[in-house]
Amino acid sequence: MPTLLMFLAVGMLFGSEGFGGLEFSNARMANYIGSVAMAFILFSGGFDTRWKTVKPVMLTAGILSSLGVLLTAVFVGLFAWVFLGWLWPENNFSLAWCMLLGSIISSTDAAAVFAILRSRRVSLRGKLQPLLEFESGSNDPMAAFLTIFMVSIVTTENAGGTVPMLKYLSIFPMFLIKMTLGIAFGLALGKATVWLYNKIDFEYDGLYYVLAFVCVLLTFSGAELAGGNGFMAVYVAGMVMGNSQFIFNNGIGRFYDGFAWLMQVILFSMLGLLSYPSQVWEIKWAGLAIAAFLMLIARPLAVFICMVRSNFTMAERVLVSWVGLRGGAPIMLATFPLLANINGDGLMFHIVFFIVFSSVMLQGMTIMHLARWLDLDLPLRSDPRVPLFFENTGTVDASSKEFLVDERADQKTLAELGLPRDALVMLIRRDDKFLIPQGPTRLQSGDNLMIMGSDKALEKTAFLLQEKEH
C-alpha cells in the first residue's frame, strides 16, 4: 500500500467527521500551506535532477510537461462537461468550470512514482527513469498556471460577466511571459545562492541550512512578485544548485529531500482534514468516472500525441501513459477554487480528492506489475547507508566521487591499481558491507570505491575505474 495513503487516512481520521473532530476549513491558510509545500517539493525535485541524465530526453519530457498537461486538462474538462451535465443536469456546469477541474488534476507526481518504485525495489530500463523524473518534476508549474488562469475565467462567469474570446487567447502570451520570468528568476537566484554559499563563512554550520530554507521562500515569492511563475522558478533554481559545486552540497541535498517528504505528508494530511467523507461518498460515481477517464483515456491519449515523433518504443509509451500518479500538486491546486469561493468549489474539491485517492491506489499498486509485464523493469540498485561521507566545507581543495570496479581491475590489489598519489580511497563497498581500504586489499568486480582527491586526480582515476552514475 502506498505510504502516502496512510497520511491521507490520518487526516480524515482527525477531521471534522472523524474521531478527532478537528474542523479545518480555512481556504486561505490551506492555500498558503499548500503553496509553500509545493515550492519545497519542486525545489527538491530540481535539486535531485541531474542535467547529464535528463539532457537526452529533455525535448520529449518538455513537450509532455507542457503540451501534455494542456491536452490532459482539455480532454478531462470536455469529458467532465458532458458526464456531469448528464449526471447532475440541475447544476448546469459550465465548460470553464469543468476545464478548471481538468487543469487541477492535469499534472503528475514524481515523488509518489519513485517512492512506489523504491518500495517495490524496482527501477526502469533505458531513458524511462530520467524521462519520468523530468516530466513529473517540471509539469506542476504548467498545471498551476492553467489552474490560476481558469480560476479567473470562472470567477468572471460567476460574477455574471461575459468572458470575451480575447481573454482565452491571452493565455498564450501570458504563459510565455510567466514561464520566461520564472526560468530567468530561477537561474539568477540559483546561481546567486551558489555564489553566496561559496563566499559566506557562518560561525555555526546550522545556519547554512537556515539559508537553504530561506532560498526556497525567496525564490518562490520573488518570482511571483516579479510577475513570473514561482513554481517554475523554484524548480529551475533547485536544478541549478543541484548541478553546481558549493560547500555543504551533500548536507543541503539531504535537508531538501527530508523537508520535501515532510511537505508531502503535510499536503496529504491537509487533504484528509479538508475533506468530508460523507461528501466524498456522494460524488463517488462522478469521481470514479472522471478518474477512470483520466487514467485510461486522457493521459494515454495526451502521451501518445506528445511522443508521436520520439524514439521511445510502444511498450515504453504505454508505461509512461500509466505512470501518471496524481499526488501533492492537485491537492494544493484544489485550494485555489476554495480561496476564490467559486460556485461548486466543495464539489470540485471532493472530486479531486477521489481522483487523487484512486490514482495513488490503483496506479500505485499496478506500476510494478505493468513494468514487469512490458519487460521494462530492472532490479533496483541497493545503496546501503554509508558510515562515512565527504562534505565540502570550503577548507580543503578536494572533492569525493564513487567509482565502480569493472573487469579491468578485478582481482587486483589496491596497491596494484596505480591510483594517482593524491587520490585517497576512503571506503570500499562490497555488496552490503564496507571494507577499510588497505594496500593488500584485493578488489572484486562490482566493488564501489569512495575516493577523495583533487579534480585532476579524480579525472585520472576515471581512466582506471568506471565512474558511478547517481
Protein backbone atom coordinates (compact mmCIF):
# COMPACT_ATOMS: atom_id res chain seq x y z
CA MET A 1 0.00 0.00 0.00
CA PRO A 2 1.46 3.42 -0.95
CA THR A 3 2.59 5.13 2.25
CA LEU A 4 1.06 8.49 1.32
CA LEU A 5 -2.42 6.98 1.63
CA MET A 6 -1.71 6.42 5.33
CA PHE A 7 -1.32 10.16 5.88
CA LEU A 8 -4.46 10.79 3.86
CA ALA A 9 -6.29 8.43 6.20
CA VAL A 10 -4.76 10.14 9.25
CA GLY A 11 -6.10 13.49 8.05
CA MET A 12 -9.58 12.02 7.56
CA LEU A 13 -9.43 10.31 10.95
CA PHE A 14 -8.72 13.58 12.74
CA GLY A 15 -11.02 15.65 10.50
CA SER A 16 -14.45 17.07 11.23
CA GLU A 17 -16.22 13.76 10.53
CA GLY A 18 -13.56 11.57 12.15
CA PHE A 19 -12.66 10.71 15.71
CA GLY A 20 -10.63 13.87 16.14
CA GLY A 21 -13.46 16.21 15.18
CA LEU A 22 -10.96 18.87 14.05
CA GLU A 23 -12.74 21.47 11.94
CA PHE A 24 -10.38 22.85 9.29
CA SER A 25 -11.99 24.87 6.52
CA ASN A 26 -9.75 27.94 6.23
CA ALA A 27 -9.16 28.07 2.46
CA ARG A 28 -6.61 30.89 2.65
CA MET A 29 -4.45 29.07 5.20
CA ALA A 30 -4.75 25.84 3.22
CA ASN A 31 -3.63 27.66 0.08
CA TYR A 32 -0.64 29.25 1.86
CA ILE A 33 0.40 25.90 3.34
CA GLY A 34 -0.06 24.14 0.01
CA SER A 35 1.91 26.74 -1.95
CA VAL A 36 4.87 26.63 0.45
CA ALA A 37 4.77 22.83 0.49
CA MET A 38 4.78 22.63 -3.32
CA ALA A 39 7.64 25.13 -3.50
CA PHE A 40 9.84 22.87 -1.36
CA ILE A 41 8.75 19.71 -3.19
CA LEU A 42 9.57 21.21 -6.59
CA PHE A 43 12.86 22.70 -5.37
CA SER A 44 13.93 19.30 -4.04
CA GLY A 45 12.88 17.66 -7.31
CA GLY A 46 15.02 20.10 -9.26
CA PHE A 47 17.94 19.66 -6.85
CA ASP A 48 17.91 15.89 -7.39
CA THR A 49 17.67 16.18 -11.20
CA ARG A 50 21.00 15.55 -12.89
CA TRP A 51 21.41 17.60 -16.04
CA LYS A 52 23.64 14.99 -17.70
CA THR A 53 20.95 12.35 -17.22
CA VAL A 54 17.90 14.32 -18.38
CA LYS A 55 19.54 16.19 -21.26
CA PRO A 56 18.95 13.39 -23.85
CA VAL A 57 15.20 13.28 -23.02
CA MET A 58 14.67 16.96 -22.34
CA LEU A 59 12.74 17.70 -25.55
CA THR A 60 10.28 14.83 -25.10
CA ALA A 61 9.89 15.49 -21.39
CA GLY A 62 9.41 19.21 -22.03
CA ILE A 63 6.62 18.51 -24.52
CA LEU A 64 4.95 16.14 -22.05
CA SER A 65 5.19 18.65 -19.20
CA SER A 66 3.65 21.48 -21.25
CA LEU A 67 1.54 20.30 -24.18
CA GLY A 68 0.79 17.01 -22.42
CA VAL A 69 -0.58 18.82 -19.37
CA LEU A 70 -2.69 21.12 -21.57
CA LEU A 71 -4.12 18.22 -23.57
CA THR A 72 -4.90 16.25 -20.40
CA ALA A 73 -6.72 19.25 -18.93
CA VAL A 74 -8.74 19.77 -22.12
CA PHE A 75 -9.67 16.09 -22.50
CA VAL A 76 -10.74 15.74 -18.87
CA GLY A 77 -12.59 19.06 -18.98
CA LEU A 78 -14.61 18.08 -22.04
CA PHE A 79 -15.48 14.68 -20.57
CA ALA A 80 -16.48 16.20 -17.22
CA TRP A 81 -18.67 18.78 -19.01
CA VAL A 82 -20.58 16.03 -20.84
CA PHE A 83 -20.71 13.50 -17.99
CA LEU A 84 -21.53 15.87 -15.13
CA GLY A 85 -24.16 17.57 -17.30
CA TRP A 86 -25.79 14.19 -17.78
CA LEU A 87 -25.38 13.07 -14.16
CA TRP A 88 -26.49 16.32 -12.49
CA PRO A 89 -28.31 18.41 -15.13
CA GLU A 90 -29.78 20.65 -12.41
CA ASN A 91 -26.30 22.01 -11.53
CA ASN A 92 -25.74 23.49 -15.01
CA PHE A 93 -21.95 23.08 -15.00
CA SER A 94 -20.19 25.48 -17.38
CA LEU A 95 -17.42 24.39 -19.71
CA ALA A 96 -14.99 26.74 -17.92
CA TRP A 97 -15.81 25.10 -14.55
CA CYS A 98 -15.04 21.67 -16.00
CA MET A 99 -11.85 22.95 -17.64
CA LEU A 100 -10.76 24.24 -14.23
CA LEU A 101 -11.30 20.75 -12.81
CA GLY A 102 -9.22 19.28 -15.65
CA SER A 103 -6.42 21.81 -15.03
CA ILE A 104 -6.22 20.94 -11.34
CA ILE A 105 -5.66 17.24 -11.96
CA SER A 106 -3.52 17.55 -15.10
CA SER A 107 -0.05 17.12 -13.56
CA THR A 108 1.71 14.05 -12.20
CA ASP A 109 3.72 13.48 -9.02
CA ALA A 110 7.35 12.38 -9.34
CA ALA A 111 7.82 11.79 -5.61
CA ALA A 112 4.87 9.42 -5.45
CA VAL A 113 6.01 7.50 -8.55
CA PHE A 114 9.57 6.86 -7.42
CA ALA A 115 8.62 6.24 -3.81
CA ILE A 116 6.44 3.37 -5.01
CA LEU A 117 9.14 2.02 -7.32
CA ARG A 118 11.70 2.14 -4.49
CA SER A 119 9.33 0.42 -2.09
CA ARG A 120 8.95 -2.43 -4.60
CA ARG A 121 12.71 -2.46 -5.29
CA VAL A 122 12.12 -1.77 -8.98
CA SER A 123 13.91 0.52 -11.44
CA LEU A 124 13.15 1.20 -15.11
CA ARG A 125 15.15 0.47 -18.25
CA GLY A 126 16.79 2.87 -20.65
CA LYS A 127 15.73 6.50 -20.64
CA LEU A 128 12.39 5.92 -18.90
CA GLN A 129 13.68 6.89 -15.47
CA PRO A 130 15.04 10.34 -16.45
CA LEU A 131 12.04 10.97 -18.72
CA LEU A 132 9.52 10.39 -15.94
CA GLU A 133 11.71 12.21 -13.43
CA PHE A 134 11.97 15.38 -15.50
CA GLU A 135 8.40 15.31 -16.80
CA SER A 136 6.85 14.76 -13.37
CA GLY A 137 9.07 17.35 -11.75
CA SER A 138 8.51 20.08 -14.35
CA ASN A 139 4.80 19.74 -15.19
CA ASP A 140 3.46 21.19 -11.93
CA PRO A 141 4.21 24.82 -12.95
CA MET A 142 2.12 24.33 -16.10
CA ALA A 143 -0.78 22.88 -14.11
CA ALA A 144 -0.56 25.74 -11.61
CA PHE A 145 -0.58 28.29 -14.44
CA LEU A 146 -3.64 26.70 -16.08
CA THR A 147 -5.47 26.46 -12.74
CA ILE A 148 -4.93 30.11 -11.80
CA PHE A 149 -5.91 31.22 -15.32
CA MET A 150 -9.13 29.18 -15.29
CA VAL A 151 -10.00 30.38 -11.78
CA SER A 152 -10.03 33.95 -13.16
CA ILE A 153 -12.31 32.81 -16.03
CA VAL A 154 -14.76 31.03 -13.72
CA THR A 155 -14.74 33.95 -11.25
CA THR A 156 -15.74 36.32 -14.07
CA GLU A 157 -18.56 33.95 -15.09
CA ASN A 158 -19.82 33.67 -11.51
CA ALA A 159 -19.97 37.46 -11.26
CA GLY A 160 -22.36 37.46 -14.22
CA GLY A 161 -19.84 38.78 -16.72
CA THR A 162 -19.18 37.55 -20.22
CA VAL A 163 -15.70 36.26 -20.94
CA PRO A 164 -14.54 37.55 -24.35
CA MET A 165 -12.58 35.30 -26.68
CA LEU A 166 -9.61 37.64 -26.32
CA LYS A 167 -9.44 36.64 -22.64
CA TYR A 168 -9.00 32.99 -23.60
CA LEU A 169 -6.40 33.84 -26.26
CA SER A 170 -4.39 35.81 -23.70
CA ILE A 171 -3.32 32.51 -22.16
CA PHE A 172 -0.54 32.11 -24.76
CA PRO A 173 1.37 35.40 -24.24
CA MET A 174 0.71 35.13 -20.50
CA PHE A 175 2.22 31.64 -20.48
CA LEU A 176 5.35 32.81 -22.30
CA ILE A 177 5.81 35.81 -20.00
CA LYS A 178 5.26 33.95 -16.74
CA MET A 179 7.38 30.93 -17.65
CA THR A 180 10.20 33.04 -19.09
CA LEU A 181 10.30 35.22 -15.99
CA GLY A 182 10.12 32.13 -13.78
CA ILE A 183 13.03 30.45 -15.57
CA ALA A 184 15.10 33.66 -15.56
CA PHE A 185 14.43 34.28 -11.87
CA GLY A 186 15.25 30.67 -11.01
CA LEU A 187 18.53 30.79 -12.92
CA ALA A 188 19.52 34.08 -11.29
CA LEU A 189 18.60 33.09 -7.73
CA GLY A 190 20.12 29.61 -8.12
CA LYS A 191 23.45 30.99 -9.30
CA ALA A 192 23.37 33.75 -6.69
CA THR A 193 22.76 31.22 -3.91
CA VAL A 194 25.65 29.03 -5.08
CA TRP A 195 27.92 32.09 -5.14
CA LEU A 196 26.75 33.09 -1.66
CA TYR A 197 27.37 29.61 -0.23
CA ASN A 198 30.93 29.65 -1.55
CA LYS A 199 31.64 33.15 -0.22
CA ILE A 200 29.88 33.32 3.13
CA ASP A 201 31.50 31.98 6.29
CA PHE A 202 28.99 31.29 9.04
CA GLU A 203 30.29 30.62 12.53
CA TYR A 204 27.68 27.88 13.04
CA ASP A 205 27.12 25.14 10.45
CA GLY A 206 23.39 25.04 11.18
CA LEU A 207 22.98 28.50 9.62
CA TYR A 208 23.79 27.05 6.17
CA TYR A 209 20.58 25.02 6.45
CA VAL A 210 18.64 28.11 7.50
CA LEU A 211 19.96 29.77 4.34
CA ALA A 212 18.77 26.76 2.34
CA PHE A 213 15.27 27.21 3.77
CA VAL A 214 15.24 30.95 3.03
CA CYS A 215 16.48 30.40 -0.53
CA VAL A 216 13.33 28.48 -1.49
CA LEU A 217 10.94 31.03 0.00
CA LEU A 218 12.85 33.97 -1.51
CA THR A 219 12.93 32.37 -4.97
CA PHE A 220 9.23 31.49 -4.96
CA SER A 221 7.94 34.78 -3.54
CA GLY A 222 10.37 36.91 -5.55
CA ALA A 223 9.35 35.31 -8.85
CA GLU A 224 5.66 35.73 -8.02
CA LEU A 225 6.13 39.39 -7.08
CA ALA A 226 8.01 39.95 -10.35
CA GLY A 227 5.08 38.52 -12.31
CA GLY A 228 6.66 35.16 -13.08
CA ASN A 229 5.71 31.60 -12.23
CA GLY A 230 7.08 30.88 -8.76
CA PHE A 231 6.80 27.11 -9.13
CA MET A 232 8.90 27.13 -12.29
CA ALA A 233 11.42 29.43 -10.57
CA VAL A 234 11.99 27.10 -7.60
CA TYR A 235 12.33 24.05 -9.86
CA VAL A 236 14.94 25.79 -12.03
CA ALA A 237 16.79 27.21 -9.01
CA GLY A 238 16.90 23.75 -7.45
CA MET A 239 18.25 22.28 -10.68
CA VAL A 240 20.95 24.96 -10.88
CA MET A 241 22.05 24.33 -7.30
CA GLY A 242 21.89 20.55 -7.58
CA ASN A 243 24.21 20.60 -10.59
CA SER A 244 26.71 23.06 -9.06
CA GLN A 245 29.54 22.64 -6.60
CA PHE A 246 29.25 24.58 -3.36
CA ILE A 247 30.09 23.99 0.28
CA PHE A 248 27.74 21.75 2.28
CA ASN A 249 26.29 20.47 -1.01
CA ASN A 250 25.66 16.93 0.26
CA GLY A 251 24.10 18.01 3.54
CA ILE A 252 21.88 20.59 1.84
CA GLY A 253 20.66 17.92 -0.58
CA ARG A 254 19.66 15.66 2.31
CA PHE A 255 17.97 18.58 4.02
CA TYR A 256 15.85 19.37 0.94
CA ASP A 257 14.96 15.71 0.44
CA GLY A 258 13.75 15.30 4.02
CA PHE A 259 11.89 18.60 4.00
CA ALA A 260 10.16 17.73 0.71
CA TRP A 261 8.87 14.50 2.23
CA LEU A 262 7.61 16.42 5.24
CA MET A 263 5.73 18.70 2.83
CA GLN A 264 4.22 15.66 1.06
CA VAL A 265 2.98 14.36 4.42
CA ILE A 266 1.51 17.78 5.25
CA LEU A 267 -0.26 18.01 1.87
CA PHE A 268 -1.89 14.58 2.12
CA SER A 269 -2.82 15.11 5.76
CA MET A 270 -4.31 18.50 4.90
CA LEU A 271 -6.35 16.92 2.10
CA GLY A 272 -7.75 14.45 4.61
CA LEU A 273 -8.57 17.27 7.06
CA LEU A 274 -10.30 19.39 4.43
CA SER A 275 -12.41 16.52 3.12
CA TYR A 276 -15.79 15.33 4.34
CA PRO A 277 -16.10 11.54 3.88
CA SER A 278 -19.88 11.84 3.54
CA GLN A 279 -19.48 14.22 0.59
CA VAL A 280 -16.80 12.00 -0.97
CA TRP A 281 -19.32 9.16 -0.89
CA GLU A 282 -21.98 11.36 -2.51
CA ILE A 283 -19.79 12.09 -5.56
CA LYS A 284 -18.39 8.56 -5.87
CA TRP A 285 -19.83 7.90 -9.33
CA ALA A 286 -18.65 11.21 -10.75
CA GLY A 287 -15.23 10.78 -9.17
CA LEU A 288 -14.90 7.20 -10.38
CA ALA A 289 -15.92 8.06 -13.94
CA ILE A 290 -13.55 11.04 -14.24
CA ALA A 291 -10.69 9.12 -12.59
CA ALA A 292 -11.19 6.20 -14.99
CA PHE A 293 -11.31 8.53 -17.99
CA LEU A 294 -8.16 10.31 -16.81
CA MET A 295 -6.18 7.11 -16.26
CA LEU A 296 -7.43 5.07 -19.23
CA ILE A 297 -8.06 7.67 -21.96
CA ALA A 298 -6.97 11.27 -21.26
CA ARG A 299 -3.42 10.64 -20.00
CA PRO A 300 -2.63 7.86 -22.55
CA LEU A 301 -4.03 9.92 -25.43
CA ALA A 302 -2.02 13.00 -24.41
CA VAL A 303 1.15 10.91 -24.01
CA PHE A 304 0.80 9.21 -27.40
CA ILE A 305 0.20 12.56 -29.14
CA CYS A 306 3.23 14.16 -27.47
CA MET A 307 5.53 11.18 -28.12
CA VAL A 308 4.47 10.53 -31.71
CA ARG A 309 7.90 11.57 -33.12
CA SER A 310 10.03 10.30 -30.24
CA ASN A 311 12.41 7.32 -30.25
CA PHE A 312 10.63 5.53 -27.42
CA THR A 313 9.12 2.12 -28.14
CA MET A 314 5.41 1.34 -27.95
CA ALA A 315 5.92 -0.53 -24.67
CA GLU A 316 7.72 2.47 -23.16
CA ARG A 317 4.93 4.82 -24.26
CA VAL A 318 2.34 2.55 -22.68
CA LEU A 319 4.21 2.59 -19.38
CA VAL A 320 4.67 6.40 -19.48
CA SER A 321 0.94 6.78 -20.08
CA TRP A 322 0.17 4.68 -16.99
CA VAL A 323 2.84 6.18 -14.72
CA GLY A 324 0.83 9.36 -14.19
CA LEU A 325 0.08 9.35 -10.49
CA ARG A 326 -1.74 12.33 -9.05
CA GLY A 327 -0.36 13.50 -5.73
CA GLY A 328 0.65 16.68 -3.97
CA ALA A 329 0.09 19.15 -6.82
CA PRO A 330 -3.68 18.56 -7.35
CA ILE A 331 -4.19 18.77 -3.57
CA MET A 332 -2.57 22.19 -3.45
CA LEU A 333 -4.23 23.41 -6.65
CA ALA A 334 -7.66 22.36 -5.38
CA THR A 335 -7.36 25.07 -2.72
CA PHE A 336 -7.46 27.86 -5.34
CA PRO A 337 -11.19 27.38 -6.13
CA LEU A 338 -11.84 27.29 -2.37
CA LEU A 339 -9.88 30.52 -1.96
CA ALA A 340 -11.79 32.21 -4.81
CA ASN A 341 -15.10 30.93 -3.40
CA ILE A 342 -16.40 29.87 -6.81
CA ASN A 343 -19.70 28.09 -7.19
CA GLY A 344 -19.37 24.35 -6.56
CA ASP A 345 -15.89 24.63 -5.03
CA GLY A 346 -16.66 21.98 -2.41
CA LEU A 347 -17.90 19.57 -5.07
CA MET A 348 -14.78 20.17 -7.16
CA PHE A 349 -12.52 19.62 -4.16
CA HIS A 350 -14.09 16.26 -3.32
CA ILE A 351 -13.91 15.11 -6.95
CA VAL A 352 -10.18 15.94 -6.86
CA PHE A 353 -9.92 14.04 -3.58
CA PHE A 354 -11.49 10.96 -5.17
CA ILE A 355 -9.23 11.16 -8.23
CA VAL A 356 -6.02 11.51 -6.19
CA PHE A 357 -7.07 8.64 -3.94
CA SER A 358 -7.95 6.42 -6.92
CA SER A 359 -4.74 7.27 -8.78
CA VAL A 360 -2.41 6.56 -5.86
CA MET A 361 -4.31 3.39 -5.01
CA LEU A 362 -4.87 1.83 -8.46
CA GLN A 363 -1.91 3.12 -10.47
CA GLY A 364 0.44 2.99 -7.50
CA MET A 365 -0.27 -0.69 -6.87
CA THR A 366 -0.02 -1.74 -10.54
CA ILE A 367 3.05 0.14 -11.85
CA MET A 368 5.41 -2.68 -10.84
CA HIS A 369 3.28 -5.38 -12.47
CA LEU A 370 2.88 -3.42 -15.72
CA ALA A 371 6.63 -2.67 -15.91
CA ARG A 372 7.40 -6.37 -15.46
CA TRP A 373 4.75 -7.41 -17.99
CA LEU A 374 6.22 -4.98 -20.55
CA ASP A 375 9.75 -6.18 -19.66
CA LEU A 376 10.84 -2.65 -18.76
CA ASP A 377 11.78 -3.24 -15.13
CA LEU A 378 15.24 -3.62 -13.62
CA PRO A 379 16.26 -4.64 -10.11
CA LEU A 380 16.73 -1.52 -8.03
CA ARG A 381 20.38 -0.98 -7.15
CA SER A 382 20.59 -1.08 -3.39
CA ASP A 383 22.75 1.57 -1.78
CA PRO A 384 23.17 0.89 1.95
CA ARG A 385 23.74 3.73 4.38
CA VAL A 386 27.33 4.86 4.16
CA PRO A 387 29.13 5.19 7.52
CA LEU A 388 31.28 7.98 6.09
CA PHE A 389 30.55 10.70 3.57
CA PHE A 390 32.52 13.64 2.25
CA GLU A 391 31.20 17.14 2.87
CA ASN A 392 32.80 20.10 1.15
CA THR A 393 33.20 22.77 3.83
CA GLY A 394 35.46 25.01 1.75
CA THR A 395 38.51 24.18 3.87
CA VAL A 396 40.15 21.62 1.58
CA ASP A 397 40.83 21.70 -2.16
CA ALA A 398 39.33 18.29 -2.86
CA SER A 399 36.07 16.52 -3.62
CA SER A 400 34.74 12.98 -3.46
CA LYS A 401 33.38 10.60 -6.09
CA GLU A 402 32.35 6.97 -6.23
CA PHE A 403 33.92 4.63 -8.76
CA LEU A 404 32.89 1.15 -9.84
CA VAL A 405 35.44 -1.65 -10.17
CA ASP A 406 34.97 -3.44 -13.51
CA GLU A 407 36.78 -6.35 -15.14
CA ARG A 408 39.90 -4.23 -15.77
CA ALA A 409 40.66 -4.03 -12.05
CA ASP A 410 39.14 -7.36 -10.97
CA GLN A 411 41.38 -9.32 -8.55
CA LYS A 412 43.98 -6.56 -8.39
CA THR A 413 45.12 -5.30 -5.03
CA LEU A 414 44.56 -1.66 -4.15
CA ALA A 415 48.31 -1.07 -4.35
CA GLU A 416 48.45 -2.59 -7.86
CA LEU A 417 45.67 -0.34 -9.13
CA GLY A 418 48.04 2.55 -9.80
CA LEU A 419 45.88 5.36 -8.50
CA PRO A 420 47.30 8.93 -8.55
CA ARG A 421 49.33 9.81 -5.46
CA ASP A 422 46.83 12.45 -4.28
CA ALA A 423 43.77 10.19 -4.64
CA LEU A 424 42.71 8.65 -1.31
CA VAL A 425 40.41 5.60 -1.13
CA MET A 426 38.24 6.22 1.95
CA LEU A 427 35.87 3.22 1.79
CA ILE A 428 35.22 0.10 -0.25
CA ARG A 429 31.64 -1.14 -0.54
CA ARG A 430 31.20 -4.81 -1.40
CA ASP A 431 27.55 -5.82 -1.60
CA ASP A 432 26.03 -4.55 1.67
CA LYS A 433 29.32 -4.43 3.61
CA PHE A 434 32.02 -1.79 3.88
CA LEU A 435 35.73 -2.62 3.96
CA ILE A 436 38.55 -0.50 5.36
CA PRO A 437 40.90 0.05 2.39
CA GLN A 438 44.50 -1.13 2.69
CA GLY A 439 47.23 -1.71 0.13
CA PRO A 440 46.90 -5.54 0.05
CA THR A 441 43.07 -5.41 -0.18
CA ARG A 442 42.09 -7.44 -3.27
CA LEU A 443 39.35 -5.83 -5.35
CA GLN A 444 36.44 -7.62 -6.99
CA SER A 445 34.36 -6.61 -9.98
CA GLY A 446 31.33 -4.72 -8.69
CA ASP A 447 33.09 -3.10 -5.72
CA ASN A 448 32.40 0.58 -5.14
CA LEU A 449 35.31 2.80 -4.13
CA MET A 450 34.73 6.14 -2.42
CA ILE A 451 37.73 8.22 -3.46
CA MET A 452 38.71 11.70 -2.31
CA GLY A 453 41.14 13.87 -4.21
CA SER A 454 41.69 16.92 -6.35
CA ASP A 455 39.71 17.32 -9.56
CA LYS A 456 42.78 16.39 -11.60
CA ALA A 457 43.37 13.25 -9.53
CA LEU A 458 39.74 12.18 -9.91
CA GLU A 459 39.94 12.72 -13.67
CA LYS A 460 42.97 10.42 -13.82
CA THR A 461 41.15 7.87 -11.65
CA ALA A 462 38.30 7.80 -14.16
CA PHE A 463 40.70 6.30 -16.73
CA LEU A 464 41.35 3.38 -14.39
CA LEU A 465 37.87 2.86 -12.96
CA GLN A 466 34.32 3.42 -14.11
CA GLU A 467 32.70 6.50 -12.56
CA LYS A 468 29.46 5.59 -10.80
CA GLU A 469 26.27 7.24 -12.06
CA HIS A 470 23.98 8.86 -9.48
